[in-house]
């Protein structure tokens, strides 16, 4: 069996989609094999895919003890990748719920930083951003930083990264994702009423976009919204 081909296909699929559900960050080339934290060497996988990826790496590099140890840590007391994925999602959901509203220690505040002063501080969420300060918190001011090409937020630039997160990179590549995300609830309601993704997208200013159709279709499926497929149906 060609484990390398299976692994490459898994990574390719992870690189060419956007997941709304819980994901885990995976190093495509493991650190023990010389891989770094560059954005091109990172991919977001589902817990099941992450579990499988590490099993495949052991198959591809059977003599690498570090890979075997990492895979063993993921499989300890977990009988299958399905159970692993279920548990990871439950834990992630529980942690997320605990951080909502007043349960979050940062509730009502936000971090800002000043590059010249090399300082971080918290201000009220309703307070205007002071002159010379930027949104977010910087841990190490001595490391090289870059302003995100999409949102302008400054972040530590490890290599040639241009975006602070995968969302900004996606929005820059295709602005339609931003339009859909900002109007997703309205679009989903229109789909329920007219049973057509294309019609719902056109009503919200997105026309002739196959990528948008696929993106919304995946979100609708996760929400349990059924879409009637009828040929030559009138708008």
Protein backbone atom coordinates (compact mmCIF):
# COMPACT_ATOMS: atom_id res chain seq x y z
CA UNK A 1 0.00 0.00 0.00
CA UNK A 2 1.27 3.46 -0.92
CA UNK A 3 1.08 5.21 2.46
CA UNK A 4 2.88 8.30 1.11
CA UNK A 5 0.19 8.81 -1.54
CA UNK A 6 -2.59 8.42 1.04
CA UNK A 7 -0.85 10.94 3.31
CA UNK A 8 -0.36 13.46 0.47
CA UNK A 9 -4.02 13.19 -0.53
CA UNK A 10 -5.06 13.76 3.09
CA UNK A 11 -2.91 16.90 3.31
CA UNK A 12 -4.11 18.18 -0.07
CA UNK A 13 -7.73 17.84 1.02
CA UNK A 14 -7.00 19.69 4.26
CA UNK A 15 -5.27 22.54 2.42
CA UNK A 16 -8.11 23.12 -0.01
CA UNK A 17 -11.13 23.61 2.23
CA UNK A 18 -12.45 25.65 5.12
CA UNK A 19 -13.88 23.84 8.14
CA UNK A 20 -16.33 25.53 10.49
CA UNK A 21 -16.06 22.75 13.07
CA UNK A 22 -13.26 21.89 15.53
CA UNK A 23 -9.85 21.30 13.90
CA UNK A 24 -6.30 20.53 14.98
CA UNK A 25 -3.11 22.05 13.58
CA UNK A 26 -0.75 19.51 11.98
CA UNK A 27 2.86 19.87 10.77
CA UNK A 28 2.98 18.44 7.24
CA UNK A 29 6.70 17.75 7.54
CA UNK A 30 7.18 16.81 11.22
CA UNK A 31 9.63 18.82 13.29
CA UNK A 32 11.72 15.71 13.90
CA UNK A 33 12.24 15.55 10.11
CA UNK A 34 13.24 19.19 9.78
CA UNK A 35 9.83 20.79 9.36
CA UNK A 36 9.15 24.21 10.87
CA UNK A 37 6.23 26.42 11.85
CA UNK A 38 5.97 28.08 8.43
CA UNK A 39 2.40 28.55 7.25
CA UNK A 40 3.07 26.36 4.19
CA UNK A 41 4.00 23.50 6.53
CA UNK A 42 0.80 23.72 8.57
CA UNK A 43 -2.64 22.34 7.81
CA UNK A 44 -5.90 22.19 9.76
CA UNK A 45 -7.29 18.66 10.04
CA UNK A 46 -10.26 17.10 11.76
CA UNK A 47 -9.34 15.05 14.87
CA UNK A 48 -9.89 11.82 12.92
CA UNK A 49 -7.65 13.02 10.08
CA UNK A 50 -4.98 14.18 12.55
CA UNK A 51 -5.03 10.77 14.23
CA UNK A 52 -4.75 9.03 10.83
CA UNK A 53 -1.97 11.36 9.65
CA UNK A 54 0.28 10.33 12.52
CA UNK A 55 -0.41 6.63 11.89
CA UNK A 56 0.54 7.11 8.24
CA UNK A 57 3.77 8.93 9.15
CA UNK A 58 4.84 5.91 11.23
CA UNK A 59 4.13 3.68 8.22
CA UNK A 60 6.13 5.96 5.91
CA UNK A 61 9.07 6.36 8.34
CA UNK A 62 9.04 3.10 10.35
CA UNK A 63 12.50 3.71 11.87
CA UNK A 64 11.76 7.16 13.28
CA UNK A 65 11.26 6.75 17.03
CA UNK A 66 9.96 10.32 17.55
CA UNK A 67 7.09 9.74 15.11
CA UNK A 68 6.23 6.43 16.75
CA UNK A 69 6.18 8.09 20.17
CA UNK A 70 3.93 10.91 18.96
CA UNK A 71 1.49 8.42 17.43
CA UNK A 72 1.50 6.36 20.62
CA UNK A 73 0.63 9.42 22.72
CA UNK A 74 -2.42 10.02 20.51
CA UNK A 75 -3.59 6.39 20.70
CA UNK A 76 -3.09 5.78 24.44
CA UNK A 77 -6.41 4.62 25.94
CA UNK A 78 -8.22 5.46 22.70
CA UNK A 79 -9.45 2.41 20.74
CA UNK A 80 -10.02 4.20 17.42
CA UNK A 81 -9.74 7.49 15.59
CA UNK A 82 -13.54 7.86 15.74
CA UNK A 83 -13.48 7.81 19.52
CA UNK A 84 -10.49 10.17 19.51
CA UNK A 85 -12.32 12.65 17.26
CA UNK A 86 -15.50 12.48 19.33
CA UNK A 87 -13.63 13.13 22.58
CA UNK A 88 -11.55 15.99 21.15
CA UNK A 89 -14.66 17.74 19.83
CA UNK A 90 -16.47 17.34 23.14
CA UNK A 91 -13.51 18.77 25.07
CA UNK A 92 -13.14 21.64 22.59
CA UNK A 93 -16.86 22.48 22.84
CA UNK A 94 -16.74 22.38 26.65
CA UNK A 95 -13.72 24.70 26.77
CA UNK A 96 -15.35 27.07 24.29
CA UNK A 97 -18.57 27.23 26.31
CA UNK A 98 -16.62 28.04 29.48
CA UNK A 99 -15.05 31.05 27.79
CA UNK A 100 -18.33 32.63 26.70
CA UNK A 101 -19.60 35.85 28.24
CA UNK A 102 -18.65 36.59 31.84
CA UNK A 103 -17.00 33.18 32.15
CA UNK A 104 -14.13 34.58 30.10
CA UNK A 105 -11.47 36.40 32.14
CA UNK A 106 -11.08 38.84 29.22
CA UNK A 107 -14.81 39.66 29.09
CA UNK A 108 -15.41 43.35 28.37
CA UNK A 109 -11.73 44.06 27.55
CA UNK A 110 -9.32 43.65 24.67
CA UNK A 111 -5.54 43.57 24.27
CA UNK A 112 -3.65 46.24 22.34
CA UNK A 113 0.08 46.80 21.77
CA UNK A 114 2.53 49.51 20.78
CA UNK A 115 5.52 48.46 18.67
CA UNK A 116 7.61 51.56 19.45
CA UNK A 117 7.02 51.39 23.20
CA UNK A 118 7.18 47.57 23.20
CA UNK A 119 4.20 47.43 25.53
CA UNK A 120 0.95 45.47 25.82
CA UNK A 121 -2.08 46.58 27.76
CA UNK A 122 -5.80 45.86 28.09
CA UNK A 123 -8.49 48.44 27.49
CA UNK A 124 -12.28 48.37 27.54
CA UNK A 125 -13.96 46.80 24.52
CA UNK A 126 -15.85 50.06 23.94
CA UNK A 127 -12.79 52.30 24.25
CA UNK A 128 -11.32 53.84 21.08
CA UNK A 129 -7.91 52.61 19.94
CA UNK A 130 -5.22 55.12 21.05
CA UNK A 131 -2.94 56.67 18.44
CA UNK A 132 0.13 54.51 17.79
CA UNK A 133 -1.47 51.37 19.22
CA UNK A 134 -2.71 48.30 17.35
CA UNK A 135 -5.18 45.55 18.13
CA UNK A 136 -3.92 42.30 19.66
CA UNK A 137 -1.17 41.27 22.03
CA UNK A 138 2.48 40.72 21.10
CA UNK A 139 4.54 38.28 23.15
CA UNK A 140 7.99 39.07 21.77
CA UNK A 141 8.63 42.54 20.37
CA UNK A 142 12.15 41.63 19.23
CA UNK A 143 10.89 39.14 16.65
CA UNK A 144 10.09 40.35 13.11
CA UNK A 145 6.48 41.42 12.66
CA UNK A 146 4.26 42.04 9.67
CA UNK A 147 0.90 43.68 9.13
CA UNK A 148 -1.68 41.26 7.74
CA UNK A 149 -2.30 41.96 4.05
CA UNK A 150 -6.05 41.66 4.64
CA UNK A 151 -7.04 43.02 8.07
CA UNK A 152 -3.92 45.04 8.94
CA UNK A 153 -3.39 43.31 12.29
CA UNK A 154 0.30 42.94 13.18
CA UNK A 155 1.64 39.48 13.91
CA UNK A 156 4.98 37.73 14.36
CA UNK A 157 6.25 36.81 10.91
CA UNK A 158 8.16 33.54 11.00
CA UNK A 159 9.14 33.33 7.30
CA UNK A 160 7.24 34.95 4.44
CA UNK A 161 3.75 34.86 5.91
CA UNK A 162 1.49 37.64 4.68
CA UNK A 163 -1.62 36.91 6.69
CA UNK A 164 -2.29 36.63 10.41
CA UNK A 165 -4.63 33.63 9.99
CA UNK A 166 -6.08 31.26 7.41
CA UNK A 167 -9.37 33.21 7.36
CA UNK A 168 -7.66 36.42 6.21
CA UNK A 169 -5.73 34.50 3.58
CA UNK A 170 -8.97 33.02 2.29
CA UNK A 171 -10.79 36.37 2.30
CA UNK A 172 -7.94 37.99 0.35
CA UNK A 173 -7.93 35.17 -2.22
CA UNK A 174 -11.68 35.29 -2.73
CA UNK A 175 -13.70 38.12 -1.10
CA UNK A 176 -16.88 36.08 -1.64
CA UNK A 177 -16.04 34.06 1.49
CA UNK A 178 -16.17 37.25 3.56
CA UNK A 179 -19.54 38.24 2.10
CA UNK A 180 -20.95 34.79 2.81
CA UNK A 181 -19.61 34.66 6.38
CA UNK A 182 -21.04 38.10 7.16
CA UNK A 183 -24.48 37.14 5.81
CA UNK A 184 -24.57 33.40 6.47
CA UNK A 185 -27.69 33.41 8.67
CA UNK A 186 -29.69 35.36 6.09
CA UNK A 187 -28.41 33.11 3.27
CA UNK A 188 -29.36 29.94 5.15
CA UNK A 189 -32.84 31.33 5.84
CA UNK A 190 -33.26 32.11 2.13
CA UNK A 191 -32.16 28.55 1.28
CA UNK A 192 -34.81 27.14 3.60
CA UNK A 193 -37.46 29.27 1.89
CA UNK A 194 -36.45 28.78 -1.77
CA UNK A 195 -34.49 25.47 -1.58
CA UNK A 196 -31.79 26.87 -3.85
CA UNK A 197 -28.26 27.95 -2.96
CA UNK A 198 -27.79 29.93 -6.18
CA UNK A 199 -30.98 31.92 -5.63
CA UNK A 200 -30.09 32.59 -2.00
CA UNK A 201 -26.61 33.79 -2.96
CA UNK A 202 -27.95 36.08 -5.68
CA UNK A 203 -30.36 37.64 -3.20
CA UNK A 204 -27.35 38.49 -1.04
CA UNK A 205 -25.16 39.90 -3.80
CA UNK A 206 -23.15 36.81 -4.80
CA UNK A 207 -23.61 35.73 -8.42
CA UNK A 208 -22.02 33.11 -10.67
CA UNK A 209 -19.64 31.78 -8.05
CA UNK A 210 -19.07 28.01 -7.94
CA UNK A 211 -16.74 28.31 -4.94
CA UNK A 212 -19.45 30.15 -3.02
CA UNK A 213 -22.00 27.45 -3.85
CA UNK A 214 -19.72 24.70 -2.52
CA UNK A 215 -18.84 26.70 0.59
CA UNK A 216 -22.47 27.40 1.50
CA UNK A 217 -23.48 23.83 0.64
CA UNK A 218 -21.01 22.46 3.19
CA UNK A 219 -22.28 24.86 5.87
CA UNK A 220 -25.90 23.96 5.11
CA UNK A 221 -25.16 20.24 5.41
CA UNK A 222 -23.52 20.74 8.80
CA UNK A 223 -26.57 22.69 9.95
CA UNK A 224 -28.86 19.88 8.76
CA UNK A 225 -30.53 22.02 6.08
CA UNK A 226 -31.80 19.95 3.15
CA UNK A 227 -31.54 21.38 -0.35
CA UNK A 228 -33.93 20.20 -3.06
CA UNK A 229 -32.15 19.43 -6.33
CA UNK A 230 -34.50 20.24 -9.19
CA UNK A 231 -33.47 20.74 -12.79
CA UNK A 232 -34.65 23.78 -14.71
CA UNK A 233 -36.49 25.09 -11.67
CA UNK A 234 -37.48 28.77 -11.93
CA UNK A 235 -35.76 31.24 -9.61
